[in-house]
Amino acid sequence: HRSLPDLRDEWCKAPDRILPKLPQTSVIVCFHNEGWSVLLRSVHSILNRSPANLLKEIILVDDASDMIHLKADLENYMAQYPKVKIVRAPERVGLIRARLLGASKATAPVL
């Protein structure tokens, strides 16, 4: 995976800036017929850049994609990442309903 520079201010990068009492988060990513590399890059970026103790899960919401790589290939690839869940809309619902579908499956107190 390619690495991108951390552009945060040095003050923000200090180890004591991550407060131990912050709640865990569910990150919801909605997509429809997304490119393989774009989707994987997004997931890996979230996994690599988020403090592990704060990231409870990543919920990928498939808004009825019909591209073949977003079916079994995606399921098989994401199976190696226990924090990643895939939710599939049975028909095209649009961005807002897809977000609401993801939110309904989230288990962390912060979305």
C-alpha atoms as a PDB file:
ATOM      1  CA  HIS A   1       0.000   0.000   0.000  1.00  0.00           C
ATOM      2  CA  ARG A   2       1.267   3.417  -0.811  1.00  0.00           C
ATOM      3  CA  SER A   3       1.916   5.830   2.019  1.00  0.00           C
ATOM      4  CA  LEU A   4       0.811   9.437   2.044  1.00  0.00           C
ATOM      5  CA  PRO A   5       2.434  12.156   4.118  1.00  0.00           C
ATOM      6  CA  ASP A   6       0.773  13.125   7.375  1.00  0.00           C
ATOM      7  CA  LEU A   7      -0.113  16.779   6.789  1.00  0.00           C
ATOM      8  CA  ARG A   8      -1.394  17.507  10.280  1.00  0.00           C
ATOM      9  CA  ASP A   9       0.199  20.260  12.322  1.00  0.00           C
ATOM     10  CA  GLU A  10       2.976  18.983  14.624  1.00  0.00           C
ATOM     11  CA  TRP A  11       0.872  19.920  17.655  1.00  0.00           C
ATOM     12  CA  CYS A  12      -1.822  17.525  16.449  1.00  0.00           C
ATOM     13  CA  LYS A  13       0.677  14.679  15.948  1.00  0.00           C
ATOM     14  CA  ALA A  14       1.870  14.679  19.558  1.00  0.00           C
ATOM     15  CA  PRO A  15       1.107  11.337  21.271  1.00  0.00           C
ATOM     16  CA  ASP A  16      -0.706  12.985  24.174  1.00  0.00           C
ATOM     17  CA  ARG A  17      -3.300  14.542  21.809  1.00  0.00           C
ATOM     18  CA  ILE A  18      -5.284  11.307  21.548  1.00  0.00           C
ATOM     19  CA  LEU A  19      -7.410  11.333  24.639  1.00  0.00           C
ATOM     20  CA  PRO A  20      -7.905   7.883  26.174  1.00  0.00           C
ATOM     21  CA  LYS A  21     -11.574   8.488  26.929  1.00  0.00           C
ATOM     22  CA  LEU A  22     -12.740   9.191  23.387  1.00  0.00           C
ATOM     23  CA  PRO A  23     -15.550   6.869  22.244  1.00  0.00           C
ATOM     24  CA  GLN A  24     -15.088   4.269  19.539  1.00  0.00           C
ATOM     25  CA  THR A  25     -16.210   5.059  16.005  1.00  0.00           C
ATOM     26  CA  SER A  26     -17.998   3.288  13.171  1.00  0.00           C
ATOM     27  CA  VAL A  27     -16.869   4.636   9.800  1.00  0.00           C
ATOM     28  CA  ILE A  28     -19.491   4.286   7.073  1.00  0.00           C
ATOM     29  CA  VAL A  29     -18.369   4.226   3.432  1.00  0.00           C
ATOM     30  CA  CYS A  30     -21.117   4.166   0.804  1.00  0.00           C
ATOM     31  CA  PHE A  31     -20.348   3.119  -2.757  1.00  0.00           C
ATOM     32  CA  HIS A  32     -21.959   2.157  -6.048  1.00  0.00           C
ATOM     33  CA  ASN A  33     -19.864   0.504  -8.780  1.00  0.00           C
ATOM     34  CA  GLU A  34     -16.663   1.865  -7.257  1.00  0.00           C
ATOM     35  CA  GLY A  35     -13.290   0.981  -8.726  1.00  0.00           C
ATOM     36  CA  TRP A  36     -11.452  -1.809  -6.897  1.00  0.00           C
ATOM     37  CA  SER A  37      -8.307   0.182  -6.150  1.00  0.00           C
ATOM     38  CA  VAL A  38     -10.227   3.251  -4.968  1.00  0.00           C
ATOM     39  CA  LEU A  39     -12.339   1.247  -2.538  1.00  0.00           C
ATOM     40  CA  LEU A  40      -9.374  -0.706  -1.171  1.00  0.00           C
ATOM     41  CA  ARG A  41      -7.276   2.437  -0.841  1.00  0.00           C
ATOM     42  CA  SER A  42     -10.054   4.062   1.179  1.00  0.00           C
ATOM     43  CA  VAL A  43     -10.380   1.086   3.530  1.00  0.00           C
ATOM     44  CA  HIS A  44      -6.628   0.762   4.026  1.00  0.00           C
ATOM     45  CA  SER A  45      -6.292   4.479   4.622  1.00  0.00           C
ATOM     46  CA  ILE A  46      -8.910   4.318   7.371  1.00  0.00           C
ATOM     47  CA  LEU A  47      -7.288   1.244   8.936  1.00  0.00           C
ATOM     48  CA  ASN A  48      -3.769   2.674   8.754  1.00  0.00           C
ATOM     49  CA  ARG A  49      -4.541   6.233   9.857  1.00  0.00           C
ATOM     50  CA  SER A  50      -7.108   5.683  12.602  1.00  0.00           C
ATOM     51  CA  PRO A  51      -6.061   4.860  16.154  1.00  0.00           C
ATOM     52  CA  ALA A  52      -6.898   1.151  16.544  1.00  0.00           C
ATOM     53  CA  ASN A  53      -8.516   1.670  19.934  1.00  0.00           C
ATOM     54  CA  LEU A  54     -10.925   4.278  18.496  1.00  0.00           C
ATOM     55  CA  LEU A  55     -11.880   2.473  15.278  1.00  0.00           C
ATOM     56  CA  LYS A  56     -14.502  -0.133  16.111  1.00  0.00           C
ATOM     57  CA  GLU A  57     -15.546  -0.932  12.549  1.00  0.00           C
ATOM     58  CA  ILE A  58     -15.700   0.130   8.939  1.00  0.00           C
ATOM     59  CA  ILE A  59     -19.069  -0.463   7.345  1.00  0.00           C
ATOM     60  CA  LEU A  60     -19.002  -0.634   3.554  1.00  0.00           C
ATOM     61  CA  VAL A  61     -22.485  -0.004   2.188  1.00  0.00           C
ATOM     62  CA  ASP A  62     -22.943  -1.289  -1.347  1.00  0.00           C
ATOM     63  CA  ASP A  63     -25.755   0.648  -3.012  1.00  0.00           C
ATOM     64  CA  ALA A  64     -26.726  -2.205  -5.374  1.00  0.00           C
ATOM     65  CA  SER A  65     -23.504  -2.334  -7.391  1.00  0.00           C
ATOM     66  CA  ASP A  66     -23.556  -4.617 -10.425  1.00  0.00           C
ATOM     67  CA  MET A  67     -19.813  -4.845 -11.088  1.00  0.00           C
ATOM     68  CA  ILE A  68     -18.546  -8.392 -10.589  1.00  0.00           C
ATOM     69  CA  HIS A  69     -15.452  -7.436  -8.545  1.00  0.00           C
ATOM     70  CA  LEU A  70     -17.706  -5.917  -5.881  1.00  0.00           C
ATOM     71  CA  LYS A  71     -19.419  -9.235  -5.142  1.00  0.00           C
ATOM     72  CA  ALA A  72     -17.526 -12.361  -4.004  1.00  0.00           C
ATOM     73  CA  ASP A  73     -14.067 -10.851  -4.663  1.00  0.00           C
ATOM     74  CA  LEU A  74     -14.788  -8.000  -2.266  1.00  0.00           C
ATOM     75  CA  GLU A  75     -16.270 -10.358   0.345  1.00  0.00           C
ATOM     76  CA  ASN A  76     -13.225 -12.634   0.138  1.00  0.00           C
ATOM     77  CA  TYR A  77     -10.720  -9.797   0.310  1.00  0.00           C
ATOM     78  CA  MET A  78     -12.372  -8.028   3.257  1.00  0.00           C
ATOM     79  CA  ALA A  79     -12.726 -11.296   5.207  1.00  0.00           C
ATOM     80  CA  GLN A  80      -9.103 -10.828   6.332  1.00  0.00           C
ATOM     81  CA  TYR A  81     -10.015  -7.568   8.100  1.00  0.00           C
ATOM     82  CA  PRO A  82     -12.282  -8.262  11.083  1.00  0.00           C
ATOM     83  CA  LYS A  83     -13.145  -4.579  11.500  1.00  0.00           C
ATOM     84  CA  VAL A  84     -14.642  -4.364   7.995  1.00  0.00           C
ATOM     85  CA  LYS A  85     -18.292  -5.268   7.430  1.00  0.00           C
ATOM     86  CA  ILE A  86     -20.141  -5.210   4.123  1.00  0.00           C
ATOM     87  CA  VAL A  87     -23.824  -4.284   3.979  1.00  0.00           C
ATOM     88  CA  ARG A  88     -25.678  -4.559   0.691  1.00  0.00           C
ATOM     89  CA  ALA A  89     -28.792  -2.664  -0.318  1.00  0.00           C
ATOM     90  CA  PRO A  90     -31.136  -4.968  -2.273  1.00  0.00           C
ATOM     91  CA  GLU A  91     -31.890  -2.178  -4.750  1.00  0.00           C
ATOM     92  CA  ARG A  92     -30.515   1.259  -5.568  1.00  0.00           C
ATOM     93  CA  VAL A  93     -31.394   3.543  -2.629  1.00  0.00           C
ATOM     94  CA  GLY A  94     -29.147   6.586  -3.079  1.00  0.00           C
ATOM     95  CA  LEU A  95     -26.578   8.157  -0.789  1.00  0.00           C
ATOM     96  CA  ILE A  96     -28.749   9.240   2.140  1.00  0.00           C
ATOM     97  CA  ARG A  97     -30.619   5.939   2.470  1.00  0.00           C
ATOM     98  CA  ALA A  98     -27.343   4.052   2.050  1.00  0.00           C
ATOM     99  CA  ARG A  99     -25.872   6.082   4.918  1.00  0.00           C
ATOM    100  CA  LEU A 100     -28.933   5.362   7.036  1.00  0.00           C
ATOM    101  CA  LEU A 101     -28.617   1.650   6.229  1.00  0.00           C
ATOM    102  CA  GLY A 102     -24.983   1.728   7.367  1.00  0.00           C
ATOM    103  CA  ALA A 103     -25.905   3.660  10.498  1.00  0.00           C
ATOM    104  CA  SER A 104     -28.535   1.058  11.374  1.00  0.00           C
ATOM    105  CA  LYS A 105     -25.819  -1.635  11.359  1.00  0.00           C
ATOM    106  CA  ALA A 106     -23.256   0.411  13.309  1.00  0.00           C
ATOM    107  CA  THR A 107     -22.349  -0.679  16.833  1.00  0.00           C
ATOM    108  CA  ALA A 108     -20.096   2.171  17.945  1.00  0.00           C
ATOM    109  CA  PRO A 109     -21.496   5.252  19.732  1.00  0.00           C
ATOM    110  CA  VAL A 110     -19.979   7.631  17.163  1.00  0.00           C
ATOM    111  CA  LEU A 111     -20.526   7.514  13.387  1.00  0.00           C
END
